[in-house]
Protein backbone atom coordinates (compact mmCIF):
# COMPACT_ATOMS: atom_id res chain seq x y z
CA MET A 1 11.03 -15.16 -11.51
CA ARG A 2 12.78 -12.30 -13.29
CA ILE A 3 11.27 -9.21 -14.88
CA HIS A 4 13.62 -7.62 -17.42
CA TYR A 5 13.62 -3.90 -16.68
CA GLU A 6 17.15 -2.78 -17.51
CA GLU A 7 18.01 -0.90 -20.69
CA LEU A 8 14.40 -0.19 -21.66
CA ALA A 9 13.37 2.97 -23.47
CA LEU A 10 11.85 4.21 -20.19
CA PRO A 11 13.34 3.91 -16.69
CA VAL A 12 11.23 1.07 -15.26
CA SER A 13 12.32 0.81 -11.63
CA LYS A 14 13.62 -2.23 -9.81
CA HIS A 15 10.83 -1.64 -7.28
CA LEU A 16 8.14 -2.10 -9.96
CA ALA A 17 9.95 -5.07 -11.51
CA ASP A 18 10.30 -6.77 -8.11
CA ALA A 19 6.65 -6.10 -7.23
CA LEU A 20 5.47 -7.61 -10.53
CA ALA A 21 7.78 -10.61 -10.09
CA GLU A 22 6.42 -11.22 -6.59
CA LEU A 23 2.85 -10.96 -7.90
CA LEU A 24 3.56 -13.46 -10.69
CA THR A 25 5.34 -15.84 -8.31
CA LYS A 26 2.08 -16.17 -6.36
CA GLN A 27 0.19 -17.19 -9.53
CA SER A 28 -0.08 -20.53 -11.29
CA LEU A 29 0.87 -19.31 -14.73
CA ILE A 30 0.47 -21.33 -17.89
CA GLY A 31 1.94 -19.89 -21.06
CA ASP A 32 4.33 -17.17 -22.08
CA CYS A 33 2.03 -14.13 -21.85
CA VAL A 34 0.30 -12.51 -18.91
CA THR A 35 -1.93 -9.46 -18.48
CA ILE A 36 -2.19 -7.84 -15.06
CA ASN A 37 -5.15 -5.57 -14.35
CA PHE A 38 -5.31 -3.12 -11.47
CA ARG A 39 -8.81 -1.80 -10.74
CA ASP A 40 -10.21 0.61 -8.18
CA PRO A 41 -13.72 -0.82 -7.67
CA ASN A 42 -15.01 2.66 -6.79
CA TYR A 43 -13.73 4.39 -9.94
CA ASP A 44 -16.47 5.70 -12.21
CA ALA A 45 -17.08 8.54 -14.66
CA GLU A 46 -19.13 10.63 -12.23
CA ASN A 47 -17.10 10.43 -9.02
CA GLY A 48 -13.59 9.72 -10.29
CA GLY A 49 -11.18 7.56 -8.36
CA PHE A 50 -7.97 5.80 -9.24
CA HIS A 51 -7.50 4.99 -12.92
CA PRO A 52 -7.47 1.36 -14.05
CA VAL A 53 -4.05 0.14 -15.18
CA GLU A 54 -3.14 -2.79 -17.41
CA ILE A 55 0.36 -4.25 -17.70
CA ARG A 56 1.23 -6.88 -20.32
CA LEU A 57 4.29 -9.11 -19.95
CA GLU A 58 5.72 -11.77 -22.27
CA LYS A 59 8.25 -14.42 -21.37
CA ARG A 60 11.35 -14.61 -23.55
CA ASP A 61 14.74 -16.13 -22.79
CA GLU A 62 13.80 -17.13 -19.21
CA ALA A 63 12.74 -13.58 -18.28
CA TRP A 64 9.49 -11.64 -18.42
CA HIS A 65 9.54 -8.53 -20.61
CA VAL A 66 7.25 -5.53 -20.31
CA CYS A 67 5.21 -5.15 -23.51
CA TYR A 68 3.06 -2.21 -22.47
CA ILE A 69 1.69 -0.30 -19.51
CA THR A 70 -1.65 1.41 -20.08
CA ASP A 71 -3.47 3.80 -17.76
CA PHE A 72 -7.18 4.24 -18.58
CA ALA A 73 -9.54 7.10 -17.74
CA TYR A 74 -13.14 8.04 -18.40
CA VAL A 75 -13.66 10.73 -21.02
CA GLY A 76 -17.02 12.37 -21.50
CA ILE A 77 -20.03 13.04 -19.30
CA GLY A 78 -22.85 10.91 -17.99
CA PRO A 79 -24.05 8.04 -20.14
CA TYR A 80 -21.69 9.16 -22.93
CA ALA A 81 -18.53 8.69 -20.85
CA GLU A 82 -16.22 5.97 -22.09
CA LEU A 83 -13.07 4.39 -20.76
CA VAL A 84 -10.11 5.26 -23.00
CA LYS A 85 -6.34 5.00 -22.92
CA GLU A 86 -5.09 8.10 -21.14
CA LEU A 87 -1.43 7.06 -21.05
CA ASP A 88 0.01 4.17 -23.03
CA PHE A 89 3.67 3.26 -22.73
CA ASP A 90 4.14 0.72 -25.53
CA PHE A 91 7.62 -0.73 -25.14
CA GLN A 92 7.25 -3.18 -28.04
CA SER A 93 6.24 -0.54 -30.58
CA GLY A 94 8.47 2.17 -29.13
CA VAL A 95 5.67 4.71 -28.82
CA PHE A 96 3.96 6.70 -26.10
CA GLN A 97 0.34 7.65 -26.57
CA ASN A 98 -1.77 10.11 -24.61
CA LEU A 99 -4.94 12.07 -25.33
CA PHE A 100 -2.92 14.50 -27.47
CA GLY A 101 -1.33 12.02 -29.86
CA VAL A 102 1.36 9.42 -30.42
CA PHE A 103 5.03 10.16 -29.77
CA PRO A 104 8.38 8.33 -29.66
CA ILE A 105 8.46 6.56 -26.28
CA GLU A 106 11.67 8.34 -25.24
CA GLN A 107 9.72 11.60 -25.05
CA ALA A 108 7.72 10.18 -22.13
CA THR A 109 10.62 9.70 -19.70
CA GLU A 110 9.55 12.36 -17.19
CA MET A 111 5.87 11.48 -17.54
CA TYR A 112 6.65 7.80 -16.98
CA GLN A 113 8.67 8.46 -13.83
CA ILE A 114 5.85 10.53 -12.32
CA TRP A 115 3.24 7.97 -13.37
CA GLU A 116 5.21 5.01 -11.93
CA SER A 117 5.86 6.75 -8.63
CA ASN A 118 2.16 7.55 -8.24
CA PHE A 119 1.10 4.05 -9.31
CA LEU A 120 3.36 2.34 -6.78
CA TYR A 121 2.10 4.65 -4.05
CA TYR A 122 -1.54 3.89 -4.90
CA TRP A 123 -0.82 0.15 -5.10
CA PHE A 124 1.23 -0.28 -1.93
CA GLU A 125 0.55 2.66 0.36
CA LEU A 126 -3.13 3.27 -0.36
CA SER A 127 -4.04 -0.30 -1.42
CA VAL A 128 -6.73 0.99 -3.79
CA TYR A 129 -6.44 -1.73 -6.42
CA GLU A 130 -8.04 -5.07 -6.88
CA VAL A 131 -5.48 -7.02 -8.92
CA SER A 132 -6.25 -9.77 -11.41
CA VAL A 133 -3.83 -11.78 -13.52
CA SER A 134 -4.79 -13.60 -16.69
CA ALA A 135 -2.65 -15.74 -18.95
């Protein structure tokens, strides 16, 4: 199983690509699209926690390609809080979106590197996520 990570608009690491490939290898996948959700079961609007993350991959030319990586967060207070995209790295559309607007994806290089490093630490070192894969 191969995840294409080279020559993308953002520096997706081999570590992340290998981790996703290993995760997909353990699944019985049917189809050419997969969505991976990472959830901290204790995350809520009142107490915080680790943000939910969604990664979408599509299979093309015998390799899986990253379509987008989205990090969600609660915005608002109490019963009015809602889960929104806090960071959205959309590789297919070539844009990066955060709470301040939409930008060319290349402008998110530093932000992406920090985000990915933190995400991998939370996933592997802290084991905070429940992971689900849907095709």
